Amino acid sequence: MPLEQLKADVAECAALLEHAKSARVKGALTQAKAEAEREIINLEIKARLAAERQAGADSKRRYLHELTDYGWDQSSKFVKLFITLAGVQNCTEEAVTVNYTDHSLQLHVSDLNGKDFGLTVNNLLYAIDIEKSYRKLKTDMVAIYLKKVEEGQSWDVLTSIQKRLKQKQDNELAKESENPEGALVNIMKKMYNSGDSKTKQMIAKAWTESQDKARFGSEVGGLGNLGDI
């Protein structure tokens, strides 16, 4: 029986009980009212469980896509991140949130075409002003504006981790410029590790010949054979 009909039956039984005089009639009305109320409770419980199951199914269908690709720029006051995301302008304001700390941000886009999207950037190079940082929705893009605590400060990279990697690379380049032979060995190692089987064979052959040349003289071929790669 429909829920609204059961509620009407309960109301009618209650109204009749107010005018009933016979104990038998009152008993019958009370029982009918109680049965209708039990059915109402059962239907409401079933409806709530069905809604919870549906919500759980919707949640399972939506899985989080981690975003890793973005561009960034800066002005004297802000560091600006640009995240391309098709159709994001159609999301509600509440569906696109950014949580900030003084050295990190976390973007979350909820239920965009049945999917959730997230971007986390930790270890920002310098501190940001949480209260003055904000985001804008543009056509197919989320723009995040990170307010610099120290205005005019130039960020050469976005995060402190990138800074350390850059310093390490610079140090390695400096060492290689001081030791050209070592630099060539490193280059060969990188080529060997990333090359196909033919490239690896040719590098191994050239390396062996260069070692033979060092031991037996210039008549044996050397690293010049790398030109065939």
C-alpha atoms as a PDB file:
ATOM      1  CA  MET A   1       0.000   0.000   0.000  1.00  0.00           C
ATOM      2  CA  PRO A   2       1.314   3.489  -0.832  1.00  0.00           C
ATOM      3  CA  LEU A   3       2.858   5.460   2.004  1.00  0.00           C
ATOM      4  CA  GLU A   4       0.439   8.378   1.640  1.00  0.00           C
ATOM      5  CA  GLN A   5      -2.576   6.054   1.851  1.00  0.00           C
ATOM      6  CA  LEU A   6      -1.227   4.491   5.043  1.00  0.00           C
ATOM      7  CA  LYS A   7      -0.731   7.930   6.580  1.00  0.00           C
ATOM      8  CA  ALA A   8      -4.323   8.826   5.644  1.00  0.00           C
ATOM      9  CA  ASP A   9      -5.542   5.607   7.289  1.00  0.00           C
ATOM     10  CA  VAL A  10      -3.691   6.474  10.482  1.00  0.00           C
ATOM     11  CA  ALA A  11      -5.218   9.942  10.538  1.00  0.00           C
ATOM     12  CA  GLU A  12      -8.696   8.546   9.936  1.00  0.00           C
ATOM     13  CA  CYS A  13      -8.322   5.939  12.691  1.00  0.00           C
ATOM     14  CA  ALA A  14      -7.143   8.645  15.088  1.00  0.00           C
ATOM     15  CA  ALA A  15     -10.156  10.826  14.222  1.00  0.00           C
ATOM     16  CA  LEU A  16     -12.592   7.931  14.691  1.00  0.00           C
ATOM     17  CA  LEU A  17     -11.016   7.006  18.026  1.00  0.00           C
ATOM     18  CA  GLU A  18     -11.911  10.435  19.381  1.00  0.00           C
ATOM     19  CA  HIS A  19     -15.610   9.702  18.846  1.00  0.00           C
ATOM     20  CA  ALA A  20     -15.692   5.966  19.529  1.00  0.00           C
ATOM     21  CA  LYS A  21     -17.513   4.892  22.669  1.00  0.00           C
ATOM     22  CA  SER A  22     -17.507   1.091  22.505  1.00  0.00           C
ATOM     23  CA  ALA A  23     -14.414  -0.643  23.881  1.00  0.00           C
ATOM     24  CA  ARG A  24     -14.628  -3.154  21.036  1.00  0.00           C
ATOM     25  CA  VAL A  25     -14.674  -0.407  18.414  1.00  0.00           C
ATOM     26  CA  LYS A  26     -11.830   1.411  20.149  1.00  0.00           C
ATOM     27  CA  GLY A  27      -9.807  -1.800  20.247  1.00  0.00           C
ATOM     28  CA  ALA A  28     -10.346  -2.460  16.529  1.00  0.00           C
ATOM     29  CA  LEU A  29      -9.460   1.114  15.594  1.00  0.00           C
ATOM     30  CA  THR A  30      -6.380   1.086  17.824  1.00  0.00           C
ATOM     31  CA  GLN A  31      -5.182  -2.165  16.246  1.00  0.00           C
ATOM     32  CA  ALA A  32      -5.806  -0.907  12.707  1.00  0.00           C
ATOM     33  CA  LYS A  33      -3.955   2.322  13.503  1.00  0.00           C
ATOM     34  CA  ALA A  34      -0.986   0.428  14.989  1.00  0.00           C
ATOM     35  CA  GLU A  35      -0.760  -1.897  11.952  1.00  0.00           C
ATOM     36  CA  ALA A  36      -0.803   1.073   9.567  1.00  0.00           C
ATOM     37  CA  GLU A  37       1.918   2.818  11.608  1.00  0.00           C
ATOM     38  CA  ARG A  38       4.088  -0.325  11.512  1.00  0.00           C
ATOM     39  CA  GLU A  39       3.743  -0.489   7.734  1.00  0.00           C
ATOM     40  CA  ILE A  40       4.702   3.186   7.494  1.00  0.00           C
ATOM     41  CA  ILE A  41       7.853   2.565   9.556  1.00  0.00           C
ATOM     42  CA  ASN A  42       8.768  -0.457   7.404  1.00  0.00           C
ATOM     43  CA  LEU A  43       8.320   1.493   4.189  1.00  0.00           C
ATOM     44  CA  GLU A  44      10.407   4.411   5.494  1.00  0.00           C
ATOM     45  CA  ILE A  45      13.208   2.064   6.571  1.00  0.00           C
ATOM     46  CA  LYS A  46      13.190   0.350   3.169  1.00  0.00           C
ATOM     47  CA  ALA A  47      13.275   3.720   1.405  1.00  0.00           C
ATOM     48  CA  ARG A  48      16.204   4.900   3.555  1.00  0.00           C
ATOM     49  CA  LEU A  49      18.183   1.694   2.964  1.00  0.00           C
ATOM     50  CA  ALA A  50      17.546   1.921  -0.771  1.00  0.00           C
ATOM     51  CA  ALA A  51      18.786   5.538  -0.781  1.00  0.00           C
ATOM     52  CA  GLU A  52      21.926   4.551   1.152  1.00  0.00           C
ATOM     53  CA  ARG A  53      22.623   1.681  -1.246  1.00  0.00           C
ATOM     54  CA  GLN A  54      22.182   4.008  -4.210  1.00  0.00           C
ATOM     55  CA  ALA A  55      24.481   6.590  -2.648  1.00  0.00           C
ATOM     56  CA  GLY A  56      27.062   3.876  -2.023  1.00  0.00           C
ATOM     57  CA  ALA A  57      26.769   2.662  -5.619  1.00  0.00           C
ATOM     58  CA  ASP A  58      27.195   6.206  -6.932  1.00  0.00           C
ATOM     59  CA  SER A  59      30.227   6.691  -4.719  1.00  0.00           C
ATOM     60  CA  LYS A  60      31.808   3.477  -5.992  1.00  0.00           C
ATOM     61  CA  ARG A  61      31.206   4.454  -9.602  1.00  0.00           C
ATOM     62  CA  ARG A  62      33.060   7.731  -9.013  1.00  0.00           C
ATOM     63  CA  TYR A  63      36.758   7.133  -8.560  1.00  0.00           C
ATOM     64  CA  LEU A  64      39.476   9.696  -7.988  1.00  0.00           C
ATOM     65  CA  HIS A  65      41.703  10.731 -10.868  1.00  0.00           C
ATOM     66  CA  GLU A  66      44.998  12.166  -9.662  1.00  0.00           C
ATOM     67  CA  LEU A  67      45.993  15.193 -11.729  1.00  0.00           C
ATOM     68  CA  THR A  68      49.714  15.673 -12.347  1.00  0.00           C
ATOM     69  CA  ASP A  69      49.833  17.997 -15.346  1.00  0.00           C
ATOM     70  CA  TYR A  70      49.597  21.732 -14.786  1.00  0.00           C
ATOM     71  CA  GLY A  71      51.255  24.968 -15.774  1.00  0.00           C
ATOM     72  CA  TRP A  72      52.373  27.781 -13.519  1.00  0.00           C
ATOM     73  CA  ASP A  73      53.404  31.393 -13.689  1.00  0.00           C
ATOM     74  CA  GLN A  74      53.967  34.218 -11.258  1.00  0.00           C
ATOM     75  CA  SER A  75      53.588  37.925 -10.696  1.00  0.00           C
ATOM     76  CA  SER A  76      55.092  40.036  -7.949  1.00  0.00           C
ATOM     77  CA  LYS A  77      52.187  39.110  -5.640  1.00  0.00           C
ATOM     78  CA  PHE A  78      50.935  35.694  -6.750  1.00  0.00           C
ATOM     79  CA  VAL A  79      52.092  32.295  -7.943  1.00  0.00           C
ATOM     80  CA  LYS A  80      49.453  31.060 -10.392  1.00  0.00           C
ATOM     81  CA  LEU A  81      48.652  27.426 -11.252  1.00  0.00           C
ATOM     82  CA  PHE A  82      46.608  26.482 -14.310  1.00  0.00           C
ATOM     83  CA  ILE A  83      44.975  23.036 -14.354  1.00  0.00           C
ATOM     84  CA  THR A  84      43.253  22.005 -17.589  1.00  0.00           C
ATOM     85  CA  LEU A  85      40.045  20.040 -16.944  1.00  0.00           C
ATOM     86  CA  ALA A  86      37.405  19.733 -19.664  1.00  0.00           C
ATOM     87  CA  GLY A  87      33.969  20.968 -18.617  1.00  0.00           C
ATOM     88  CA  VAL A  88      34.992  22.108 -15.138  1.00  0.00           C
ATOM     89  CA  GLN A  89      33.190  25.435 -15.672  1.00  0.00           C
ATOM     90  CA  ASN A  90      29.905  23.496 -15.445  1.00  0.00           C
ATOM     91  CA  CYS A  91      30.618  22.397 -11.864  1.00  0.00           C
ATOM     92  CA  THR A  92      29.002  24.155  -8.944  1.00  0.00           C
ATOM     93  CA  GLU A  93      31.207  26.358  -6.796  1.00  0.00           C
ATOM     94  CA  GLU A  94      30.874  23.860  -3.939  1.00  0.00           C
ATOM     95  CA  ALA A  95      32.126  20.994  -6.130  1.00  0.00           C
ATOM     96  CA  VAL A  96      35.548  22.616  -6.683  1.00  0.00           C
ATOM     97  CA  THR A  97      37.466  23.121  -3.463  1.00  0.00           C
ATOM     98  CA  VAL A  98      41.063  24.000  -2.630  1.00  0.00           C
ATOM     99  CA  ASN A  99      42.572  23.448   0.804  1.00  0.00           C
ATOM    100  CA  TYR A 100      45.700  25.435   1.607  1.00  0.00           C
ATOM    101  CA  THR A 101      48.477  25.262   4.151  1.00  0.00           C
ATOM    102  CA  ASP A 102      51.347  27.729   4.256  1.00  0.00           C
ATOM    103  CA  HIS A 103      53.433  25.387   2.055  1.00  0.00           C
ATOM    104  CA  SER A 104      50.914  23.195   0.189  1.00  0.00           C
ATOM    105  CA  LEU A 105      47.600  23.042  -1.642  1.00  0.00           C
ATOM    106  CA  GLN A 106      45.071  20.328  -2.407  1.00  0.00           C
ATOM    107  CA  LEU A 107      42.503  20.707  -5.188  1.00  0.00           C
ATOM    108  CA  HIS A 108      39.426  18.465  -5.287  1.00  0.00           C
ATOM    109  CA  VAL A 109      36.812  18.467  -8.059  1.00  0.00           C
ATOM    110  CA  SER A 110      33.740  16.420  -7.191  1.00  0.00           C
ATOM    111  CA  ASP A 111      31.491  14.549  -9.636  1.00  0.00           C
ATOM    112  CA  LEU A 112      32.656  15.986 -12.962  1.00  0.00           C
ATOM    113  CA  ASN A 113      31.066  13.688 -15.540  1.00  0.00           C
ATOM    114  CA  GLY A 114      30.797  10.978 -12.888  1.00  0.00           C
ATOM    115  CA  LYS A 115      34.434  11.273 -11.786  1.00  0.00           C
ATOM    116  CA  ASP A 116      36.348  13.002  -8.999  1.00  0.00           C
ATOM    117  CA  PHE A 117      39.653  14.748  -9.672  1.00  0.00           C
ATOM    118  CA  GLY A 118      42.422  15.716  -7.286  1.00  0.00           C
ATOM    119  CA  LEU A 119      45.716  17.582  -7.374  1.00  0.00           C
ATOM    120  CA  THR A 120      48.131  17.857  -4.451  1.00  0.00           C
ATOM    121  CA  VAL A 121      51.215  20.073  -4.439  1.00  0.00           C
ATOM    122  CA  ASN A 122      53.342  19.795  -1.305  1.00  0.00           C
ATOM    123  CA  ASN A 123      56.538  21.539  -0.196  1.00  0.00           C
ATOM    124  CA  LEU A 124      55.970  24.860  -1.937  1.00  0.00           C
ATOM    125  CA  LEU A 125      59.232  26.721  -2.339  1.00  0.00           C
ATOM    126  CA  TYR A 126      58.166  29.625  -0.116  1.00  0.00           C
ATOM    127  CA  ALA A 127      55.282  30.347   2.241  1.00  0.00           C
ATOM    128  CA  ILE A 128      51.893  31.501   0.960  1.00  0.00           C
ATOM    129  CA  ASP A 129      49.170  33.581   2.590  1.00  0.00           C
ATOM    130  CA  ILE A 130      46.290  31.133   3.092  1.00  0.00           C
ATOM    131  CA  GLU A 131      43.631  33.788   3.644  1.00  0.00           C
ATOM    132  CA  LYS A 132      44.444  35.679   0.456  1.00  0.00           C
ATOM    133  CA  SER A 133      44.885  32.651  -1.817  1.00  0.00           C
ATOM    134  CA  TYR A 134      41.916  31.709  -3.993  1.00  0.00           C
ATOM    135  CA  ARG A 135      40.796  29.920  -7.149  1.00  0.00           C
ATOM    136  CA  LYS A 136      38.739  30.733 -10.245  1.00  0.00           C
ATOM    137  CA  LEU A 137      36.782  28.524 -12.622  1.00  0.00           C
ATOM    138  CA  LYS A 138      37.408  29.235 -16.288  1.00  0.00           C
ATOM    139  CA  THR A 139      36.430  27.423 -19.462  1.00  0.00           C
ATOM    140  CA  ASP A 140      38.032  23.963 -19.176  1.00  0.00           C
ATOM    141  CA  MET A 141      40.428  25.245 -16.529  1.00  0.00           C
ATOM    142  CA  VAL A 142      40.898  25.793 -12.800  1.00  0.00           C
ATOM    143  CA  ALA A 143      43.180  28.727 -11.985  1.00  0.00           C
ATOM    144  CA  ILE A 144      44.666  28.800  -8.484  1.00  0.00           C
ATOM    145  CA  TYR A 145      46.202  32.000  -7.152  1.00  0.00           C
ATOM    146  CA  LEU A 146      48.706  31.537  -4.321  1.00  0.00           C
ATOM    147  CA  LYS A 147      49.386  34.803  -2.521  1.00  0.00           C
ATOM    148  CA  LYS A 148      53.074  35.261  -1.783  1.00  0.00           C
ATOM    149  CA  VAL A 149      53.843  36.115   1.809  1.00  0.00           C
ATOM    150  CA  GLU A 150      56.880  38.018   0.607  1.00  0.00           C
ATOM    151  CA  GLU A 151      55.777  40.115  -2.350  1.00  0.00           C
ATOM    152  CA  GLY A 152      58.330  40.585  -5.094  1.00  0.00           C
ATOM    153  CA  GLN A 153      60.111  37.341  -4.228  1.00  0.00           C
ATOM    154  CA  SER A 154      60.928  35.375  -7.384  1.00  0.00           C
ATOM    155  CA  TRP A 155      60.238  31.629  -7.417  1.00  0.00           C
ATOM    156  CA  ASP A 156      62.618  29.910  -9.842  1.00  0.00           C
ATOM    157  CA  VAL A 157      60.781  26.608  -9.255  1.00  0.00           C
ATOM    158  CA  LEU A 158      57.458  25.726  -7.616  1.00  0.00           C
ATOM    159  CA  THR A 159      58.548  23.350  -4.842  1.00  0.00           C
ATOM    160  CA  SER A 160      61.549  22.841  -2.596  1.00  0.00           C
ATOM    161  CA  ILE A 161      61.903  19.288  -3.948  1.00  0.00           C
ATOM    162  CA  GLN A 162      62.270  20.647  -7.475  1.00  0.00           C
ATOM    163  CA  LYS A 163      64.835  23.107  -6.101  1.00  0.00           C
ATOM    164  CA  ARG A 164      66.935  20.292  -4.655  1.00  0.00           C
ATOM    165  CA  LEU A 165      66.710  18.295  -7.887  1.00  0.00           C
ATOM    166  CA  LYS A 166      67.794  21.317  -9.886  1.00  0.00           C
ATOM    167  CA  GLN A 167      70.760  21.891  -7.580  1.00  0.00           C
ATOM    168  CA  LYS A 168      71.742  18.234  -7.879  1.00  0.00           C
ATOM    169  CA  GLN A 169      71.594  18.391 -11.662  1.00  0.00           C
ATOM    170  CA  ASP A 170      73.638  21.579 -11.683  1.00  0.00           C
ATOM    171  CA  ASN A 171      76.258  19.953  -9.442  1.00  0.00           C
ATOM    172  CA  GLU A 172      76.423  16.905 -11.705  1.00  0.00           C
ATOM    173  CA  LEU A 173      76.859  19.103 -14.763  1.00  0.00           C
ATOM    174  CA  ALA A 174      79.636  21.022 -13.022  1.00  0.00           C
ATOM    175  CA  LYS A 175      81.431  17.787 -12.163  1.00  0.00           C
ATOM    176  CA  GLU A 176      81.065  16.499 -15.718  1.00  0.00           C
ATOM    177  CA  SER A 177      82.522  19.720 -17.135  1.00  0.00           C
ATOM    178  CA  GLU A 178      85.553  19.235 -14.872  1.00  0.00           C
ATOM    179  CA  ASN A 179      85.900  15.591 -15.928  1.00  0.00           C
ATOM    180  CA  PRO A 180      84.968  15.163 -19.620  1.00  0.00           C
ATOM    181  CA  GLU A 181      85.981  11.500 -19.643  1.00  0.00           C
ATOM    182  CA  GLY A 182      83.682  10.779 -16.707  1.00  0.00           C
ATOM    183  CA  ALA A 183      80.918  12.724 -18.406  1.00  0.00           C
ATOM    184  CA  LEU A 184      81.263  10.562 -21.513  1.00  0.00           C
ATOM    185  CA  VAL A 185      81.038   7.420 -19.409  1.00  0.00           C
ATOM    186  CA  ASN A 186      77.863   8.722 -17.761  1.00  0.00           C
ATOM    187  CA  ILE A 187      76.363   9.543 -21.131  1.00  0.00           C
ATOM    188  CA  MET A 188      77.135   6.025 -22.365  1.00  0.00           C
ATOM    189  CA  LYS A 189      75.541   4.535 -19.262  1.00  0.00           C
ATOM    190  CA  LYS A 190      72.372   6.548 -19.788  1.00  0.00           C
ATOM    191  CA  MET A 191      72.247   5.610 -23.471  1.00  0.00           C
ATOM    192  CA  TYR A 192      72.798   1.958 -22.600  1.00  0.00           C
ATOM    193  CA  ASN A 193      70.100   1.895 -19.909  1.00  0.00           C
ATOM    194  CA  SER A 194      67.498   3.565 -22.126  1.00  0.00           C
ATOM    195  CA  GLY A 195      68.453   1.982 -25.457  1.00  0.00           C
ATOM    196  CA  ASP A 196      67.043  -0.971 -27.342  1.00  0.00           C
ATOM    197  CA  SER A 197      68.913  -4.258 -27.720  1.00  0.00           C
ATOM    198  CA  LYS A 198      70.770  -3.127 -30.859  1.00  0.00           C
ATOM    199  CA  THR A 199      71.913   0.102 -29.221  1.00  0.00           C
ATOM    200  CA  LYS A 200      73.094  -1.798 -26.156  1.00  0.00           C
ATOM    201  CA  GLN A 201      75.101  -4.208 -28.320  1.00  0.00           C
ATOM    202  CA  MET A 202      76.813  -1.347 -30.182  1.00  0.00           C
ATOM    203  CA  ILE A 203      77.620   0.533 -26.968  1.00  0.00           C
ATOM    204  CA  ALA A 204      79.017  -2.622 -25.366  1.00  0.00           C
ATOM    205  CA  LYS A 205      81.151  -3.264 -28.463  1.00  0.00           C
ATOM    206  CA  ALA A 206      82.443   0.315 -28.539  1.00  0.00           C
ATOM    207  CA  TRP A 207      83.230   0.204 -24.838  1.00  0.00           C
ATOM    208  CA  THR A 208      85.156  -3.076 -25.174  1.00  0.00           C
ATOM    209  CA  GLU A 209      87.151  -1.724 -28.117  1.00  0.00           C
ATOM    210  CA  SER A 210      87.996   1.456 -26.208  1.00  0.00           C
ATOM    211  CA  GLN A 211      89.335  -0.615 -23.320  1.00  0.00           C
ATOM    212  CA  ASP A 212      91.413  -2.719 -25.755  1.00  0.00           C
ATOM    213  CA  LYS A 213      92.766   0.490 -27.293  1.00  0.00           C
ATOM    214  CA  ALA A 214      93.841   1.716 -23.892  1.00  0.00           C
ATOM    215  CA  ARG A 215      95.703  -1.540 -23.276  1.00  0.00           C
ATOM    216  CA  PHE A 216      97.143  -2.420 -26.717  1.00  0.00           C
ATOM    217  CA  GLY A 217      97.465   0.814 -28.665  1.00  0.00           C
ATOM    218  CA  SER A 218      95.672   3.056 -31.128  1.00  0.00           C
ATOM    219  CA  GLU A 219      95.364   0.444 -33.878  1.00  0.00           C
ATOM    220  CA  VAL A 220      92.306  -0.987 -32.101  1.00  0.00           C
ATOM    221  CA  GLY A 221      88.999   0.834 -32.669  1.00  0.00           C
ATOM    222  CA  GLY A 222      87.620   3.122 -29.935  1.00  0.00           C
ATOM    223  CA  LEU A 223      84.554   5.056 -28.908  1.00  0.00           C
ATOM    224  CA  GLY A 224      84.393   6.672 -32.316  1.00  0.00           C
ATOM    225  CA  ASN A 225      82.278   3.722 -33.385  1.00  0.00           C
ATOM    226  CA  LEU A 226      79.449   5.269 -31.404  1.00  0.00           C
ATOM    227  CA  GLY A 227      78.757   7.369 -34.437  1.00  0.00           C
ATOM    228  CA  ASP A 228      76.879   4.394 -35.880  1.00  0.00           C
ATOM    229  CA  ILE A 229      74.217   4.576 -33.159  1.00  0.00           C
END
